[in-house]
Amino acid sequence: MTYYDILGISNNATSSEIKTAYRQKAKTLHPDMNKEKDTSKEFLKLQEAYDVLKDDVKRKEYDYKLNTSSRSVQNQWSFVSV
């Protein structure tokens, strides 16, 4: 699951869309608003995703790593014969 998936946005989302998605999800997952045990872990993941995607430099680095790792997996499978 990617940070984009966690926030429920596309990988070409604008800064405004990222902020809006974070705020909407944070309202439902924040430990003060939701006392379920699992939501605190989800909230931390949400916070991590937002911290990376809201920062242009971190987001570019993340996108680069995301794209190179997916290409690596695709290249690995391209040599497998069926």
N, C-alpha and C. Protein backbone atom coordinates (compact mmCIF):
# COMPACT_ATOMS: atom_id res chain seq x y z
N MET A 1 0.84 -1.16 0.00
CA MET A 1 0.00 0.00 0.00
C MET A 1 0.90 1.25 0.00
N THR A 2 0.61 2.16 -0.90
CA THR A 2 1.41 3.38 -1.01
C THR A 2 0.84 4.48 -0.14
N TYR A 3 1.60 5.54 0.01
CA TYR A 3 1.10 6.71 0.75
C TYR A 3 -0.12 7.30 0.05
N TYR A 4 -0.14 7.21 -1.27
CA TYR A 4 -1.29 7.71 -2.02
C TYR A 4 -2.54 6.89 -1.69
N ASP A 5 -2.36 5.59 -1.57
CA ASP A 5 -3.47 4.71 -1.21
C ASP A 5 -3.99 5.02 0.19
N ILE A 6 -3.06 5.25 1.11
CA ILE A 6 -3.44 5.56 2.49
C ILE A 6 -4.32 6.81 2.55
N LEU A 7 -3.94 7.82 1.77
CA LEU A 7 -4.72 9.05 1.75
C LEU A 7 -5.94 8.97 0.82
N GLY A 8 -5.99 7.96 -0.02
CA GLY A 8 -7.12 7.81 -0.93
C GLY A 8 -7.09 8.81 -2.07
N ILE A 9 -5.89 9.12 -2.57
CA ILE A 9 -5.73 10.10 -3.64
C ILE A 9 -4.93 9.50 -4.78
N SER A 10 -4.95 10.18 -5.93
CA SER A 10 -4.14 9.74 -7.06
C SER A 10 -2.72 10.26 -6.90
N ASN A 11 -1.80 9.66 -7.64
CA ASN A 11 -0.41 10.07 -7.52
C ASN A 11 -0.12 11.43 -8.17
N ASN A 12 -1.09 12.01 -8.81
CA ASN A 12 -0.90 13.36 -9.36
C ASN A 12 -1.78 14.39 -8.63
N ALA A 13 -2.14 14.08 -7.39
CA ALA A 13 -2.97 14.98 -6.59
C ALA A 13 -2.22 16.28 -6.28
N THR A 14 -2.96 17.35 -6.20
CA THR A 14 -2.38 18.65 -5.87
C THR A 14 -2.15 18.74 -4.36
N SER A 15 -1.40 19.75 -3.96
CA SER A 15 -1.15 19.99 -2.53
C SER A 15 -2.46 20.19 -1.78
N SER A 16 -3.38 20.89 -2.39
CA SER A 16 -4.68 21.14 -1.79
C SER A 16 -5.47 19.84 -1.61
N GLU A 17 -5.43 18.97 -2.60
CA GLU A 17 -6.12 17.69 -2.51
C GLU A 17 -5.51 16.80 -1.43
N ILE A 18 -4.19 16.85 -1.31
CA ILE A 18 -3.50 16.07 -0.28
C ILE A 18 -3.93 16.54 1.10
N LYS A 19 -3.95 17.85 1.29
CA LYS A 19 -4.32 18.43 2.58
C LYS A 19 -5.77 18.10 2.93
N THR A 20 -6.65 18.22 1.97
CA THR A 20 -8.08 17.92 2.19
C THR A 20 -8.28 16.45 2.55
N ALA A 21 -7.63 15.57 1.81
CA ALA A 21 -7.76 14.13 2.07
C ALA A 21 -7.23 13.79 3.47
N TYR A 22 -6.11 14.39 3.83
CA TYR A 22 -5.55 14.14 5.15
C TYR A 22 -6.51 14.59 6.24
N ARG A 23 -7.02 15.78 6.12
CA ARG A 23 -7.92 16.32 7.15
C ARG A 23 -9.18 15.47 7.30
N GLN A 24 -9.73 15.03 6.19
CA GLN A 24 -10.95 14.22 6.25
C GLN A 24 -10.69 12.90 6.96
N LYS A 25 -9.58 12.24 6.61
CA LYS A 25 -9.28 10.96 7.23
C LYS A 25 -8.84 11.13 8.67
N ALA A 26 -8.11 12.20 8.96
CA ALA A 26 -7.63 12.43 10.32
C ALA A 26 -8.80 12.61 11.29
N LYS A 27 -9.86 13.21 10.82
CA LYS A 27 -11.04 13.40 11.68
C LYS A 27 -11.62 12.08 12.15
N THR A 28 -11.57 11.08 11.32
CA THR A 28 -12.15 9.79 11.69
C THR A 28 -11.15 8.87 12.40
N LEU A 29 -9.85 9.06 12.16
CA LEU A 29 -8.85 8.16 12.73
C LEU A 29 -8.13 8.71 13.96
N HIS A 30 -8.26 9.99 14.22
CA HIS A 30 -7.52 10.58 15.34
C HIS A 30 -7.91 9.88 16.64
N PRO A 31 -6.90 9.53 17.47
CA PRO A 31 -7.18 8.81 18.72
C PRO A 31 -8.16 9.52 19.65
N ASP A 32 -8.21 10.83 19.61
CA ASP A 32 -9.17 11.56 20.46
C ASP A 32 -10.60 11.42 19.96
N MET A 33 -10.75 11.13 18.68
CA MET A 33 -12.08 11.02 18.09
C MET A 33 -12.56 9.57 17.97
N ASN A 34 -11.63 8.63 17.94
CA ASN A 34 -11.96 7.23 17.73
C ASN A 34 -11.14 6.39 18.70
N LYS A 35 -11.78 5.69 19.59
CA LYS A 35 -11.09 4.97 20.67
C LYS A 35 -10.72 3.53 20.31
N GLU A 36 -10.99 3.10 19.11
CA GLU A 36 -10.63 1.73 18.72
C GLU A 36 -9.11 1.60 18.69
N LYS A 37 -8.61 0.45 19.11
CA LYS A 37 -7.16 0.24 19.21
C LYS A 37 -6.45 0.37 17.87
N ASP A 38 -7.00 -0.21 16.84
CA ASP A 38 -6.34 -0.23 15.54
C ASP A 38 -6.26 1.15 14.89
N THR A 39 -7.12 2.04 15.25
CA THR A 39 -7.12 3.34 14.58
C THR A 39 -5.90 4.18 14.92
N SER A 40 -5.29 3.98 16.08
CA SER A 40 -4.10 4.76 16.40
C SER A 40 -2.95 4.40 15.46
N LYS A 41 -2.82 3.13 15.13
CA LYS A 41 -1.79 2.71 14.17
C LYS A 41 -2.10 3.26 12.78
N GLU A 42 -3.35 3.22 12.40
CA GLU A 42 -3.76 3.76 11.10
C GLU A 42 -3.50 5.27 11.05
N PHE A 43 -3.77 5.94 12.16
CA PHE A 43 -3.54 7.38 12.21
C PHE A 43 -2.05 7.70 12.04
N LEU A 44 -1.18 6.91 12.66
CA LEU A 44 0.25 7.13 12.51
C LEU A 44 0.70 6.92 11.07
N LYS A 45 0.14 5.92 10.41
CA LYS A 45 0.45 5.70 8.99
C LYS A 45 -0.05 6.87 8.14
N LEU A 46 -1.23 7.34 8.47
CA LEU A 46 -1.80 8.49 7.77
C LEU A 46 -0.90 9.71 7.94
N GLN A 47 -0.45 9.95 9.16
CA GLN A 47 0.42 11.08 9.45
C GLN A 47 1.73 10.97 8.69
N GLU A 48 2.30 9.77 8.64
CA GLU A 48 3.54 9.55 7.91
C GLU A 48 3.36 9.83 6.42
N ALA A 49 2.26 9.35 5.88
CA ALA A 49 1.98 9.58 4.46
C ALA A 49 1.84 11.07 4.18
N TYR A 50 1.12 11.75 5.02
CA TYR A 50 0.93 13.19 4.84
C TYR A 50 2.24 13.95 4.98
N ASP A 51 3.06 13.59 5.96
CA ASP A 51 4.34 14.26 6.16
C ASP A 51 5.24 14.17 4.93
N VAL A 52 5.19 13.06 4.24
CA VAL A 52 6.00 12.89 3.04
C VAL A 52 5.38 13.62 1.84
N LEU A 53 4.09 13.42 1.63
CA LEU A 53 3.46 13.95 0.42
C LEU A 53 3.24 15.46 0.45
N LYS A 54 3.19 16.06 1.62
CA LYS A 54 2.99 17.51 1.69
C LYS A 54 4.28 18.27 1.39
N ASP A 55 5.41 17.61 1.51
CA ASP A 55 6.72 18.23 1.27
C ASP A 55 7.17 17.88 -0.15
N ASP A 56 7.35 18.88 -0.99
CA ASP A 56 7.67 18.64 -2.40
C ASP A 56 8.95 17.83 -2.59
N VAL A 57 9.97 18.09 -1.80
CA VAL A 57 11.23 17.37 -1.95
C VAL A 57 11.06 15.91 -1.53
N LYS A 58 10.44 15.69 -0.37
CA LYS A 58 10.21 14.32 0.10
C LYS A 58 9.31 13.57 -0.86
N ARG A 59 8.33 14.26 -1.41
CA ARG A 59 7.40 13.61 -2.34
C ARG A 59 8.12 13.17 -3.61
N LYS A 60 8.99 14.01 -4.13
CA LYS A 60 9.75 13.63 -5.33
C LYS A 60 10.64 12.43 -5.06
N GLU A 61 11.29 12.42 -3.89
CA GLU A 61 12.12 11.27 -3.53
C GLU A 61 11.27 10.00 -3.39
N TYR A 62 10.13 10.13 -2.75
CA TYR A 62 9.23 8.99 -2.58
C TYR A 62 8.75 8.47 -3.93
N ASP A 63 8.31 9.37 -4.80
CA ASP A 63 7.85 8.97 -6.13
C ASP A 63 8.95 8.27 -6.91
N TYR A 64 10.17 8.78 -6.81
CA TYR A 64 11.29 8.16 -7.50
C TYR A 64 11.50 6.73 -7.00
N LYS A 65 11.53 6.56 -5.68
CA LYS A 65 11.71 5.23 -5.11
C LYS A 65 10.56 4.31 -5.48
N LEU A 66 9.36 4.85 -5.46
CA LEU A 66 8.18 4.06 -5.80
C LEU A 66 8.23 3.59 -7.24
N ASN A 67 8.61 4.50 -8.15
CA ASN A 67 8.68 4.16 -9.57
C ASN A 67 9.82 3.21 -9.88
N THR A 68 10.97 3.38 -9.26
CA THR A 68 12.10 2.49 -9.55
C THR A 68 11.86 1.10 -8.98
N SER A 69 11.21 1.00 -7.82
CA SER A 69 10.94 -0.32 -7.25
C SER A 69 9.89 -1.06 -8.07
N SER A 70 8.89 -0.36 -8.60
CA SER A 70 7.88 -1.03 -9.41
C SER A 70 8.45 -1.47 -10.75
N ARG A 71 9.38 -0.68 -11.30
CA ARG A 71 10.02 -1.09 -12.55
C ARG A 71 10.90 -2.31 -12.32
N SER A 72 11.55 -2.36 -11.17
CA SER A 72 12.40 -3.50 -10.84
C SER A 72 11.59 -4.78 -10.79
N VAL A 73 10.41 -4.72 -10.19
CA VAL A 73 9.54 -5.89 -10.12
C VAL A 73 9.05 -6.26 -11.51
N GLN A 74 8.69 -5.27 -12.32
CA GLN A 74 8.23 -5.55 -13.67
C GLN A 74 9.34 -6.20 -14.49
N ASN A 75 10.57 -5.70 -14.37
CA ASN A 75 11.69 -6.26 -15.10
C ASN A 75 11.98 -7.68 -14.65
N GLN A 76 11.85 -7.95 -13.38
CA GLN A 76 12.07 -9.27 -12.85
C GLN A 76 11.11 -10.27 -13.49
N TRP A 77 9.86 -9.90 -13.63
CA TRP A 77 8.85 -10.79 -14.18
C TRP A 77 8.92 -10.89 -15.68
N SER A 78 9.55 -9.94 -16.34
CA SER A 78 9.59 -10.00 -17.80
C SER A 78 10.48 -11.14 -18.29
N PHE A 79 11.33 -11.68 -17.43
CA PHE A 79 12.22 -12.77 -17.83
C PHE A 79 11.62 -14.15 -17.54
N VAL A 80 10.49 -14.18 -16.90
CA VAL A 80 9.85 -15.44 -16.57
C VAL A 80 9.02 -15.91 -17.76
N SER A 81 9.28 -17.13 -18.19
CA SER A 81 8.49 -17.67 -19.29
C SER A 81 7.34 -18.51 -18.75
N VAL A 82 6.24 -18.46 -19.46
CA VAL A 82 5.04 -19.17 -19.00
C VAL A 82 4.84 -20.43 -19.78
